[in-house]
Amino acid sequence: MQTDTLLHAANFSTLFVCMVLKFPQIFVLMRAKSSTGVSLNSLLLELTGFIVFVTYQMYYDYPPPTYLEYPILIAQDVILLLLILRYNGSLRYSIIYALVFVGGWRLLTVEKWIIDSAMSMCTFISAASKFAQLQCLWRSKDAGQVSALSWAMATYTCMARIYTTTVTTGDMQVLVRFIVMTLLNMWVLLTVLYYQRRSSSSSKKKD
């Protein structure tokens, strides 16, 4: 009974957090009208990883509560992508991205080996998205337009999914993915906080 209660709490809290996970980042970009410090490559890789992951879960009829947040995250990532393209002056490429993602999604379920192969690479794709964001931060040394709150919530949801995966499907590929994502999300979060604190200290010294 206690396990069921914890499972329901983890599932619903994850779903609730994911419903607003990208909102802080979206609001920061809209307010600043700039995407400095936010990596386009990271977002594209993350979107790819999300699409592969949710397609894999649906293909094998996993319990919907274990992946229900991903369609919501995909929708939020699409909004972020459009904002970044707009502020980069590349909004005209949005149609190309849409065609590639929709075509890739349809291709995933053509054959069983395709979705299995894609899932085996999903952790590497998602990890690459975090490293792309880290690289962007290291290069710009500016986290002004990056939301620490969004990264903190992403870290929590991955930690919750480690638990829900362990007590439901036990899928090792999925479990390893969430462990890796938890560690990398935490790394990005700490990096964002470091640059934001350094920027705040520099501003105080100037004053």
N, C-alpha and C. Protein backbone atom coordinates (compact mmCIF):
# COMPACT_ATOMS: atom_id res chain seq x y z
N MET A 1 0.83 -1.21 0.00
CA MET A 1 0.00 0.00 0.00
C MET A 1 0.87 1.26 0.00
N GLN A 2 1.93 1.23 0.84
CA GLN A 2 2.81 2.39 0.92
C GLN A 2 3.53 2.61 -0.40
N THR A 3 3.94 1.49 -1.05
CA THR A 3 4.61 1.59 -2.34
C THR A 3 3.69 2.21 -3.38
N ASP A 4 2.41 1.78 -3.38
CA ASP A 4 1.43 2.34 -4.32
C ASP A 4 1.24 3.83 -4.10
N THR A 5 1.21 4.24 -2.83
CA THR A 5 1.02 5.66 -2.50
C THR A 5 2.21 6.48 -3.00
N LEU A 6 3.41 5.97 -2.74
CA LEU A 6 4.62 6.66 -3.19
C LEU A 6 4.68 6.73 -4.71
N LEU A 7 4.26 5.63 -5.36
CA LEU A 7 4.27 5.59 -6.82
C LEU A 7 3.33 6.62 -7.40
N HIS A 8 2.11 6.68 -6.85
CA HIS A 8 1.13 7.67 -7.33
C HIS A 8 1.63 9.09 -7.08
N ALA A 9 2.22 9.31 -5.91
CA ALA A 9 2.75 10.64 -5.58
C ALA A 9 3.86 11.03 -6.54
N ALA A 10 4.75 10.08 -6.84
CA ALA A 10 5.86 10.36 -7.76
C ALA A 10 5.35 10.63 -9.16
N ASN A 11 4.37 9.83 -9.62
CA ASN A 11 3.82 10.02 -10.96
C ASN A 11 3.11 11.37 -11.10
N PHE A 12 2.26 11.69 -10.13
CA PHE A 12 1.48 12.92 -10.24
C PHE A 12 2.32 14.18 -10.01
N SER A 13 3.29 14.08 -9.10
CA SER A 13 4.16 15.24 -8.88
C SER A 13 5.03 15.49 -10.11
N THR A 14 5.48 14.41 -10.74
CA THR A 14 6.28 14.55 -11.96
C THR A 14 5.45 15.18 -13.07
N LEU A 15 4.23 14.69 -13.23
CA LEU A 15 3.34 15.24 -14.25
C LEU A 15 3.05 16.71 -14.00
N PHE A 16 2.79 17.06 -12.75
CA PHE A 16 2.49 18.45 -12.40
C PHE A 16 3.69 19.36 -12.67
N VAL A 17 4.87 18.93 -12.24
CA VAL A 17 6.08 19.73 -12.46
C VAL A 17 6.35 19.90 -13.95
N CYS A 18 6.18 18.81 -14.72
CA CYS A 18 6.45 18.88 -16.16
C CYS A 18 5.46 19.77 -16.90
N MET A 19 4.28 19.94 -16.34
CA MET A 19 3.29 20.82 -16.99
C MET A 19 3.78 22.26 -17.04
N VAL A 20 4.67 22.62 -16.11
CA VAL A 20 5.18 24.00 -16.07
C VAL A 20 6.71 24.06 -16.16
N LEU A 21 7.35 22.92 -16.42
CA LEU A 21 8.81 22.84 -16.33
C LEU A 21 9.53 23.86 -17.20
N LYS A 22 9.08 24.05 -18.42
CA LYS A 22 9.76 24.94 -19.35
C LYS A 22 9.25 26.39 -19.28
N PHE A 23 8.18 26.60 -18.50
CA PHE A 23 7.62 27.95 -18.43
C PHE A 23 8.61 29.01 -17.95
N PRO A 24 9.39 28.73 -16.88
CA PRO A 24 10.36 29.75 -16.46
C PRO A 24 11.33 30.13 -17.58
N GLN A 25 11.80 29.11 -18.34
CA GLN A 25 12.72 29.38 -19.44
C GLN A 25 12.03 30.16 -20.56
N ILE A 26 10.79 29.81 -20.84
CA ILE A 26 10.03 30.53 -21.87
C ILE A 26 9.84 31.99 -21.48
N PHE A 27 9.48 32.24 -20.23
CA PHE A 27 9.25 33.61 -19.76
C PHE A 27 10.54 34.43 -19.76
N VAL A 28 11.66 33.79 -19.40
CA VAL A 28 12.95 34.49 -19.41
C VAL A 28 13.30 34.94 -20.82
N LEU A 29 13.11 34.06 -21.81
CA LEU A 29 13.41 34.40 -23.21
C LEU A 29 12.49 35.50 -23.71
N MET A 30 11.22 35.41 -23.39
CA MET A 30 10.26 36.41 -23.86
C MET A 30 10.55 37.78 -23.25
N ARG A 31 10.98 37.78 -22.00
CA ARG A 31 11.27 39.05 -21.33
C ARG A 31 12.56 39.68 -21.88
N ALA A 32 13.56 38.84 -22.10
CA ALA A 32 14.86 39.35 -22.56
C ALA A 32 14.90 39.56 -24.07
N LYS A 33 14.02 38.86 -24.81
CA LYS A 33 14.03 38.89 -26.28
C LYS A 33 15.42 38.56 -26.82
N SER A 34 16.05 37.62 -26.14
CA SER A 34 17.39 37.16 -26.51
C SER A 34 17.55 35.72 -26.04
N SER A 35 18.32 34.95 -26.79
CA SER A 35 18.54 33.54 -26.41
C SER A 35 19.99 33.28 -26.01
N THR A 36 20.69 34.33 -25.59
CA THR A 36 22.08 34.20 -25.17
C THR A 36 22.22 33.17 -24.05
N GLY A 37 23.14 32.22 -24.22
CA GLY A 37 23.37 31.20 -23.21
C GLY A 37 22.50 29.98 -23.35
N VAL A 38 21.46 30.05 -24.19
CA VAL A 38 20.57 28.91 -24.42
C VAL A 38 20.98 28.24 -25.73
N SER A 39 21.32 26.96 -25.66
CA SER A 39 21.85 26.26 -26.83
C SER A 39 20.75 25.69 -27.72
N LEU A 40 20.75 26.09 -28.98
CA LEU A 40 19.79 25.55 -29.96
C LEU A 40 20.06 24.07 -30.18
N ASN A 41 21.34 23.70 -30.30
CA ASN A 41 21.69 22.29 -30.51
C ASN A 41 21.22 21.42 -29.36
N SER A 42 21.36 21.95 -28.14
CA SER A 42 20.90 21.21 -26.96
C SER A 42 19.40 20.96 -27.02
N LEU A 43 18.65 21.98 -27.40
CA LEU A 43 17.19 21.85 -27.49
C LEU A 43 16.79 20.84 -28.56
N LEU A 44 17.44 20.89 -29.70
CA LEU A 44 17.13 19.95 -30.79
C LEU A 44 17.41 18.51 -30.38
N LEU A 45 18.53 18.30 -29.70
CA LEU A 45 18.88 16.95 -29.23
C LEU A 45 17.91 16.48 -28.15
N GLU A 46 17.55 17.39 -27.25
CA GLU A 46 16.59 17.04 -26.20
C GLU A 46 15.25 16.66 -26.81
N LEU A 47 14.79 17.42 -27.78
CA LEU A 47 13.52 17.14 -28.45
C LEU A 47 13.57 15.77 -29.13
N THR A 48 14.69 15.47 -29.77
CA THR A 48 14.87 14.16 -30.41
C THR A 48 14.78 13.04 -29.37
N GLY A 49 15.49 13.23 -28.24
CA GLY A 49 15.46 12.23 -27.18
C GLY A 49 14.07 12.02 -26.62
N PHE A 50 13.33 13.10 -26.43
CA PHE A 50 11.96 13.01 -25.91
C PHE A 50 11.06 12.22 -26.87
N ILE A 51 11.18 12.51 -28.15
CA ILE A 51 10.33 11.85 -29.16
C ILE A 51 10.63 10.35 -29.21
N VAL A 52 11.92 10.00 -29.19
CA VAL A 52 12.31 8.59 -29.21
C VAL A 52 11.79 7.89 -27.95
N PHE A 53 11.97 8.52 -26.80
CA PHE A 53 11.60 7.90 -25.53
C PHE A 53 10.10 7.65 -25.43
N VAL A 54 9.30 8.66 -25.74
CA VAL A 54 7.84 8.48 -25.61
C VAL A 54 7.31 7.50 -26.66
N THR A 55 7.92 7.47 -27.84
CA THR A 55 7.51 6.52 -28.88
C THR A 55 7.82 5.10 -28.44
N TYR A 56 8.98 4.89 -27.82
CA TYR A 56 9.37 3.57 -27.31
C TYR A 56 8.39 3.09 -26.24
N GLN A 57 8.05 3.98 -25.31
CA GLN A 57 7.14 3.62 -24.23
C GLN A 57 5.76 3.25 -24.77
N MET A 58 5.28 4.01 -25.75
CA MET A 58 3.97 3.74 -26.34
C MET A 58 4.00 2.47 -27.17
N TYR A 59 5.09 2.23 -27.88
CA TYR A 59 5.22 1.04 -28.75
C TYR A 59 5.11 -0.24 -27.92
N TYR A 60 5.69 -0.24 -26.72
CA TYR A 60 5.67 -1.43 -25.87
C TYR A 60 4.56 -1.40 -24.82
N ASP A 61 3.60 -0.50 -24.99
CA ASP A 61 2.41 -0.44 -24.12
C ASP A 61 2.76 -0.31 -22.64
N TYR A 62 3.73 0.53 -22.33
CA TYR A 62 4.06 0.79 -20.94
C TYR A 62 2.95 1.62 -20.31
N PRO A 63 2.80 1.55 -18.97
CA PRO A 63 1.72 2.31 -18.30
C PRO A 63 1.82 3.80 -18.62
N PRO A 64 0.75 4.41 -19.13
CA PRO A 64 0.78 5.84 -19.49
C PRO A 64 1.30 6.77 -18.39
N PRO A 65 0.98 6.52 -17.09
CA PRO A 65 1.50 7.44 -16.07
C PRO A 65 3.02 7.54 -16.02
N THR A 66 3.74 6.53 -16.60
CA THR A 66 5.20 6.56 -16.56
C THR A 66 5.81 7.43 -17.66
N TYR A 67 4.99 7.89 -18.59
CA TYR A 67 5.55 8.73 -19.67
C TYR A 67 4.62 9.87 -20.09
N LEU A 68 3.53 10.07 -19.34
CA LEU A 68 2.50 11.02 -19.75
C LEU A 68 3.02 12.45 -19.86
N GLU A 69 4.10 12.75 -19.12
CA GLU A 69 4.63 14.12 -19.15
C GLU A 69 5.36 14.46 -20.44
N TYR A 70 5.79 13.44 -21.19
CA TYR A 70 6.63 13.72 -22.35
C TYR A 70 5.94 14.46 -23.49
N PRO A 71 4.68 14.13 -23.81
CA PRO A 71 3.99 14.96 -24.81
C PRO A 71 3.91 16.44 -24.39
N ILE A 72 3.75 16.66 -23.06
CA ILE A 72 3.69 18.04 -22.55
C ILE A 72 5.04 18.72 -22.71
N LEU A 73 6.11 17.98 -22.39
CA LEU A 73 7.47 18.54 -22.54
C LEU A 73 7.81 18.81 -24.00
N ILE A 74 7.36 17.93 -24.88
CA ILE A 74 7.61 18.13 -26.32
C ILE A 74 6.94 19.42 -26.79
N ALA A 75 5.69 19.62 -26.36
CA ALA A 75 4.97 20.85 -26.75
C ALA A 75 5.69 22.09 -26.25
N GLN A 76 6.20 22.04 -25.01
CA GLN A 76 6.92 23.18 -24.45
C GLN A 76 8.25 23.41 -25.17
N ASP A 77 8.92 22.31 -25.54
CA ASP A 77 10.17 22.43 -26.28
C ASP A 77 9.95 23.05 -27.66
N VAL A 78 8.82 22.73 -28.27
CA VAL A 78 8.49 23.32 -29.58
C VAL A 78 8.33 24.83 -29.44
N ILE A 79 7.66 25.27 -28.38
CA ILE A 79 7.52 26.72 -28.14
C ILE A 79 8.88 27.37 -27.93
N LEU A 80 9.74 26.72 -27.15
CA LEU A 80 11.09 27.22 -26.93
C LEU A 80 11.88 27.30 -28.23
N LEU A 81 11.74 26.28 -29.05
CA LEU A 81 12.44 26.24 -30.33
C LEU A 81 12.02 27.42 -31.21
N LEU A 82 10.72 27.68 -31.26
CA LEU A 82 10.22 28.79 -32.07
C LEU A 82 10.74 30.14 -31.54
N LEU A 83 10.81 30.27 -30.22
CA LEU A 83 11.31 31.51 -29.63
C LEU A 83 12.80 31.71 -29.95
N ILE A 84 13.58 30.64 -29.82
CA ILE A 84 15.02 30.74 -30.11
C ILE A 84 15.24 31.08 -31.58
N LEU A 85 14.50 30.41 -32.46
CA LEU A 85 14.63 30.69 -33.89
C LEU A 85 14.23 32.13 -34.20
N ARG A 86 13.20 32.60 -33.53
CA ARG A 86 12.75 33.98 -33.74
C ARG A 86 13.83 34.98 -33.33
N TYR A 87 14.38 34.79 -32.12
CA TYR A 87 15.37 35.74 -31.62
C TYR A 87 16.72 35.59 -32.32
N ASN A 88 16.95 34.45 -32.96
CA ASN A 88 18.17 34.26 -33.75
C ASN A 88 17.99 34.72 -35.20
N GLY A 89 16.76 35.10 -35.55
CA GLY A 89 16.48 35.51 -36.93
C GLY A 89 16.40 34.35 -37.89
N SER A 90 16.06 33.16 -37.38
CA SER A 90 16.03 31.95 -38.22
C SER A 90 14.66 31.29 -38.23
N LEU A 91 13.62 32.04 -37.97
CA LEU A 91 12.28 31.47 -37.86
C LEU A 91 11.84 30.78 -39.16
N ARG A 92 12.40 31.20 -40.29
CA ARG A 92 12.02 30.60 -41.57
C ARG A 92 12.39 29.12 -41.66
N TYR A 93 13.32 28.68 -40.81
CA TYR A 93 13.74 27.27 -40.83
C TYR A 93 12.82 26.38 -40.01
N SER A 94 11.82 26.95 -39.37
CA SER A 94 10.94 26.16 -38.50
C SER A 94 10.20 25.08 -39.27
N ILE A 95 9.81 25.35 -40.52
CA ILE A 95 9.11 24.36 -41.34
C ILE A 95 10.00 23.16 -41.60
N ILE A 96 11.27 23.41 -41.86
CA ILE A 96 12.23 22.32 -42.11
C ILE A 96 12.36 21.43 -40.88
N TYR A 97 12.51 22.07 -39.71
CA TYR A 97 12.61 21.30 -38.47
C TYR A 97 11.35 20.47 -38.24
N ALA A 98 10.19 21.05 -38.51
CA ALA A 98 8.93 20.34 -38.32
C ALA A 98 8.85 19.10 -39.20
N LEU A 99 9.23 19.24 -40.46
CA LEU A 99 9.20 18.11 -41.39
C LEU A 99 10.16 17.00 -40.96
N VAL A 100 11.34 17.38 -40.52
CA VAL A 100 12.34 16.40 -40.09
C VAL A 100 11.86 15.63 -38.86
N PHE A 101 11.32 16.35 -37.88
CA PHE A 101 10.87 15.69 -36.65
C PHE A 101 9.65 14.80 -36.88
N VAL A 102 8.68 15.27 -37.66
CA VAL A 102 7.49 14.46 -37.93
C VAL A 102 7.87 13.23 -38.75
N GLY A 103 8.73 13.42 -39.77
CA GLY A 103 9.17 12.30 -40.58
C GLY A 103 9.95 11.28 -39.77
N GLY A 104 10.83 11.75 -38.89
CA GLY A 104 11.60 10.86 -38.04
C GLY A 104 10.73 10.09 -37.07
N TRP A 105 9.72 10.77 -36.53
CA TRP A 105 8.80 10.11 -35.60
C TRP A 105 8.03 8.97 -36.29
N ARG A 106 7.58 9.22 -37.51
CA ARG A 106 6.86 8.17 -38.26
C ARG A 106 7.77 7.01 -38.60
N LEU A 107 9.03 7.31 -38.87
CA LEU A 107 9.99 6.27 -39.24
C LEU A 107 10.29 5.32 -38.07
N LEU A 108 10.23 5.84 -36.85
CA LEU A 108 10.61 5.04 -35.68
C LEU A 108 9.82 3.75 -35.53
N THR A 109 8.54 3.77 -35.90
CA THR A 109 7.68 2.60 -35.66
C THR A 109 7.46 1.74 -36.91
N VAL A 110 8.24 1.99 -37.95
CA VAL A 110 8.10 1.19 -39.17
C VAL A 110 8.50 -0.27 -38.91
N GLU A 111 9.61 -0.43 -38.18
CA GLU A 111 10.09 -1.77 -37.82
C GLU A 111 10.50 -1.78 -36.36
N LYS A 112 10.36 -2.95 -35.71
CA LYS A 112 10.71 -3.08 -34.29
C LYS A 112 12.18 -2.75 -34.04
N TRP A 113 13.06 -3.19 -34.93
CA TRP A 113 14.49 -2.97 -34.71
C TRP A 113 14.86 -1.49 -34.76
N ILE A 114 14.06 -0.70 -35.49
CA ILE A 114 14.34 0.73 -35.59
C ILE A 114 14.10 1.40 -34.24
N ILE A 115 12.95 1.14 -33.62
CA ILE A 115 12.65 1.77 -32.33
C ILE A 115 13.58 1.25 -31.24
N ASP A 116 13.96 -0.04 -31.31
CA ASP A 116 14.89 -0.60 -30.32
C ASP A 116 16.28 0.04 -30.46
N SER A 117 16.71 0.21 -31.70
CA SER A 117 18.02 0.83 -31.95
C SER A 117 18.01 2.29 -31.51
N ALA A 118 16.91 2.98 -31.82
CA ALA A 118 16.80 4.39 -31.45
C ALA A 118 16.81 4.54 -29.93
N MET A 119 16.12 3.63 -29.23
CA MET A 119 16.09 3.71 -27.77
C MET A 119 17.46 3.43 -27.18
N SER A 120 18.22 2.53 -27.80
CA SER A 120 19.56 2.23 -27.29
C SER A 120 20.48 3.45 -27.40
N MET A 121 20.16 4.35 -28.35
CA MET A 121 20.96 5.57 -28.52
C MET A 121 20.35 6.76 -27.79
N CYS A 122 19.16 6.57 -27.23
CA CYS A 122 18.42 7.68 -26.63
C CYS A 122 19.19 8.34 -25.48
N THR A 123 19.83 7.51 -24.65
CA THR A 123 20.60 8.05 -23.53
C THR A 123 21.75 8.92 -24.02
N PHE A 124 22.41 8.45 -25.09
CA PHE A 124 23.54 9.21 -25.65
C PHE A 124 23.04 10.53 -26.27
N ILE A 125 21.88 10.47 -26.92
CA ILE A 125 21.30 11.68 -27.53
C ILE A 125 20.96 12.70 -26.44
N SER A 126 20.29 12.21 -25.40
CA SER A 126 19.89 13.11 -24.31
C SER A 126 21.10 13.65 -23.56
N ALA A 127 22.11 12.79 -23.37
CA ALA A 127 23.35 13.23 -22.71
C ALA A 127 24.05 14.29 -23.56
N ALA A 128 24.04 14.08 -24.87
CA ALA A 128 24.68 15.05 -25.78
C ALA A 128 23.99 16.40 -25.69
N SER A 129 22.66 16.39 -25.45
CA SER A 129 21.93 17.65 -25.35
C SER A 129 22.39 18.44 -24.12
N LYS A 130 22.66 17.73 -23.03
CA LYS A 130 23.13 18.41 -21.82
C LYS A 130 24.55 18.96 -22.01
N PHE A 131 25.40 18.17 -22.67
CA PHE A 131 26.77 18.62 -22.93
C PHE A 131 26.78 19.82 -23.88
N ALA A 132 25.84 19.84 -24.82
CA ALA A 132 25.74 20.99 -25.73
C ALA A 132 25.37 22.25 -24.96
N GLN A 133 24.47 22.11 -23.97
CA GLN A 133 24.10 23.26 -23.14
C GLN A 133 25.27 23.70 -22.26
N LEU A 134 25.99 22.73 -21.72
CA LEU A 134 27.16 23.06 -20.91
C LEU A 134 28.21 23.78 -21.75
N GLN A 135 28.44 23.28 -22.96
CA GLN A 135 29.42 23.90 -23.85
C GLN A 135 29.03 25.34 -24.18
N CYS A 136 27.74 25.55 -24.40
CA CYS A 136 27.24 26.90 -24.69
C CYS A 136 27.49 27.83 -23.50
N LEU A 137 27.26 27.34 -22.30
CA LEU A 137 27.49 28.13 -21.09
C LEU A 137 28.98 28.43 -20.90
N TRP A 138 29.81 27.40 -21.10
CA TRP A 138 31.25 27.60 -20.95
C TRP A 138 31.79 28.61 -21.96
N ARG A 139 31.22 28.55 -23.17
CA ARG A 139 31.70 29.44 -24.23
C ARG A 139 31.25 30.89 -23.98
N SER A 140 30.00 31.06 -23.62
CA SER A 140 29.47 32.42 -23.44
C SER A 140 29.77 32.99 -22.06
N LYS A 141 30.01 32.07 -21.09
CA LYS A 141 30.22 32.49 -19.69
C LYS A 141 29.08 33.41 -19.21
N ASP A 142 27.88 33.12 -19.73
CA ASP A 142 26.72 33.96 -19.44
C ASP A 142 25.49 33.07 -19.31
N ALA A 143 24.89 33.05 -18.12
CA ALA A 143 23.68 32.25 -17.91
C ALA A 143 22.47 33.15 -17.68
N GLY A 144 22.58 34.39 -18.12
CA GLY A 144 21.53 35.37 -17.87
C GLY A 144 20.17 34.98 -18.42
N GLN A 145 20.14 34.31 -19.57
CA GLN A 145 18.88 33.93 -20.20
C GLN A 145 18.53 32.46 -19.97
N VAL A 146 19.27 31.80 -19.07
CA VAL A 146 19.02 30.39 -18.76
C VAL A 146 18.31 30.31 -17.41
N SER A 147 17.20 29.59 -17.35
CA SER A 147 16.42 29.49 -16.12
C SER A 147 16.94 28.35 -15.23
N ALA A 148 17.46 28.71 -14.07
CA ALA A 148 17.91 27.70 -13.10
C ALA A 148 16.73 26.89 -12.58
N LEU A 149 15.56 27.54 -12.47
CA LEU A 149 14.37 26.85 -11.96
C LEU A 149 13.96 25.70 -12.88
N SER A 150 14.02 25.94 -14.19
CA SER A 150 13.67 24.88 -15.14
C SER A 150 14.60 23.68 -15.00
N TRP A 151 15.89 23.95 -14.82
CA TRP A 151 16.86 22.86 -14.68
C TRP A 151 16.69 22.15 -13.34
N ALA A 152 16.32 22.88 -12.30
CA ALA A 152 16.07 22.25 -11.00
C ALA A 152 14.87 21.31 -11.08
N MET A 153 13.82 21.75 -11.75
CA MET A 153 12.63 20.91 -11.90
C MET A 153 12.93 19.69 -12.77
N ALA A 154 13.76 19.86 -13.79
CA ALA A 154 14.14 18.73 -14.65
C ALA A 154 14.91 17.69 -13.84
N THR A 155 15.76 18.16 -12.93
CA THR A 155 16.51 17.24 -12.07
C THR A 155 15.57 16.44 -11.18
N TYR A 156 14.58 17.12 -10.60
CA TYR A 156 13.61 16.43 -9.74
C TYR A 156 12.82 15.37 -10.51
N THR A 157 12.33 15.72 -11.69
CA THR A 157 11.50 14.77 -12.44
C THR A 157 12.29 13.51 -12.82
N CYS A 158 13.57 13.67 -13.15
CA CYS A 158 14.39 12.50 -13.48
C CYS A 158 14.62 11.62 -12.25
N MET A 159 14.81 12.26 -11.09
CA MET A 159 14.97 11.50 -9.85
C MET A 159 13.69 10.73 -9.53
N ALA A 160 12.55 11.36 -9.73
CA ALA A 160 11.26 10.69 -9.47
C ALA A 160 11.07 9.51 -10.42
N ARG A 161 11.52 9.69 -11.67
CA ARG A 161 11.35 8.62 -12.66
C ARG A 161 12.29 7.43 -12.41
N ILE A 162 13.38 7.65 -11.71
CA ILE A 162 14.24 6.53 -11.30
C ILE A 162 13.43 5.60 -10.39
N TYR A 163 12.69 6.21 -9.48
CA TYR A 163 11.87 5.42 -8.56
C TYR A 163 10.71 4.74 -9.28
N THR A 164 9.96 5.50 -10.11
CA THR A 164 8.78 4.90 -10.76
C THR A 164 9.17 3.78 -11.72
N THR A 165 10.30 3.94 -12.40
CA THR A 165 10.76 2.90 -13.33
C THR A 165 11.17 1.65 -12.56
N THR A 166 11.82 1.84 -11.42
CA THR A 166 12.28 0.71 -10.61
C THR A 166 11.12 -0.15 -10.13
N VAL A 167 10.02 0.48 -9.71
CA VAL A 167 8.90 -0.27 -9.12
C VAL A 167 7.83 -0.68 -10.14
N THR A 168 7.95 -0.22 -11.39
CA THR A 168 6.94 -0.61 -12.40
C THR A 168 7.54 -1.54 -13.46
N THR A 169 8.19 -0.95 -14.46
CA THR A 169 8.67 -1.76 -15.59
C THR A 169 10.02 -2.41 -15.33
N GLY A 170 10.88 -1.74 -14.55
CA GLY A 170 12.22 -2.28 -14.31
C GLY A 170 13.10 -2.30 -15.53
N ASP A 171 12.70 -1.58 -16.58
CA ASP A 171 13.46 -1.55 -17.84
C ASP A 171 14.83 -0.90 -17.59
N MET A 172 15.91 -1.68 -17.79
CA MET A 172 17.25 -1.20 -17.46
C MET A 172 17.68 -0.05 -18.36
N GLN A 173 17.30 -0.09 -19.66
CA GLN A 173 17.65 1.00 -20.57
C GLN A 173 17.05 2.32 -20.09
N VAL A 174 15.80 2.25 -19.68
CA VAL A 174 15.09 3.44 -19.20
C VAL A 174 15.69 3.93 -17.88
N LEU A 175 16.01 2.97 -17.00
CA LEU A 175 16.57 3.31 -15.69
C LEU A 175 17.93 4.00 -15.83
N VAL A 176 18.78 3.43 -16.67
CA VAL A 176 20.11 4.02 -16.89
C VAL A 176 19.97 5.43 -17.45
N ARG A 177 19.02 5.61 -18.38
CA ARG A 177 18.80 6.93 -18.96
C ARG A 177 18.47 7.96 -17.89
N PHE A 178 17.56 7.60 -16.96
CA PHE A 178 17.15 8.56 -15.95
C PHE A 178 18.27 8.86 -14.95
N ILE A 179 19.09 7.87 -14.63
CA ILE A 179 20.22 8.10 -13.73
C ILE A 179 21.21 9.07 -14.36
N VAL A 180 21.53 8.82 -15.64
CA VAL A 180 22.47 9.70 -16.36
C VAL A 180 21.90 11.11 -16.48
N MET A 181 20.60 11.21 -16.81
CA MET A 181 19.98 12.52 -16.97
C MET A 181 19.92 13.30 -15.65
N THR A 182 19.71 12.58 -14.54
CA THR A 182 19.70 13.25 -13.24
C THR A 182 21.05 13.91 -12.96
N LEU A 183 22.12 13.15 -13.18
CA LEU A 183 23.47 13.67 -12.92
C LEU A 183 23.81 14.84 -13.84
N LEU A 184 23.45 14.73 -15.13
CA LEU A 184 23.77 15.80 -16.08
C LEU A 184 22.91 17.04 -15.86
N ASN A 185 21.64 16.84 -15.55
CA ASN A 185 20.78 18.00 -15.23
C ASN A 185 21.31 18.76 -14.02
N MET A 186 21.78 18.00 -13.03
CA MET A 186 22.35 18.63 -11.83
C MET A 186 23.62 19.41 -12.18
N TRP A 187 24.42 18.87 -13.09
CA TRP A 187 25.64 19.54 -13.53
C TRP A 187 25.32 20.86 -14.21
N VAL A 188 24.33 20.82 -15.12
CA VAL A 188 23.92 22.05 -15.81
C VAL A 188 23.39 23.06 -14.80
N LEU A 189 22.56 22.59 -13.86
CA LEU A 189 21.99 23.48 -12.85
C LEU A 189 23.09 24.18 -12.04
N LEU A 190 24.07 23.42 -11.59
CA LEU A 190 25.16 24.01 -10.81
C LEU A 190 25.98 25.00 -11.65
N THR A 191 26.15 24.69 -12.93
CA THR A 191 26.89 25.59 -13.82
C THR A 191 26.13 26.90 -14.02
N VAL A 192 24.81 26.80 -14.21
CA VAL A 192 23.97 27.99 -14.37
C VAL A 192 24.03 28.85 -13.11
N LEU A 193 23.91 28.21 -11.96
CA LEU A 193 23.97 28.96 -10.69
C LEU A 193 25.33 29.62 -10.50
N TYR A 194 26.39 28.94 -10.91
CA TYR A 194 27.74 29.50 -10.79
C TYR A 194 27.89 30.77 -11.62
N TYR A 195 27.47 30.71 -12.89
CA TYR A 195 27.61 31.89 -13.76
C TYR A 195 26.68 33.02 -13.36
N GLN A 196 25.47 32.67 -12.88
CA GLN A 196 24.56 33.71 -12.43
C GLN A 196 25.09 34.40 -11.18
N ARG A 197 25.67 33.63 -10.28
CA ARG A 197 26.24 34.22 -9.07
C ARG A 197 27.45 35.08 -9.41
N ARG A 198 28.27 34.59 -10.36
CA ARG A 198 29.45 35.36 -10.76
C ARG A 198 29.05 36.66 -11.43
N SER A 199 28.00 36.60 -12.25
CA SER A 199 27.51 37.80 -12.92
C SER A 199 26.95 38.79 -11.91
N SER A 200 26.24 38.27 -10.90
CA SER A 200 25.69 39.13 -9.86
C SER A 200 26.80 39.80 -9.05
N SER A 201 27.87 39.05 -8.76
CA SER A 201 29.00 39.61 -8.01
C SER A 201 29.72 40.70 -8.79
N SER A 202 29.85 40.48 -10.11
CA SER A 202 30.50 41.46 -10.98
C SER A 202 29.69 42.75 -11.04
N SER A 203 28.37 42.61 -11.09
CA SER A 203 27.50 43.79 -11.13
C SER A 203 27.60 44.60 -9.85
N LYS A 204 27.70 43.93 -8.71
CA LYS A 204 27.80 44.61 -7.42
C LYS A 204 29.13 45.35 -7.31
N LYS A 205 30.20 44.74 -7.85
CA LYS A 205 31.51 45.38 -7.80
C LYS A 205 31.54 46.68 -8.63
N LYS A 206 30.84 46.63 -9.78
CA LYS A 206 30.77 47.81 -10.65
C LYS A 206 30.01 48.95 -9.97
N ASP A 207 28.96 48.56 -9.22
CA ASP A 207 28.17 49.57 -8.51
C ASP A 207 28.97 50.17 -7.35
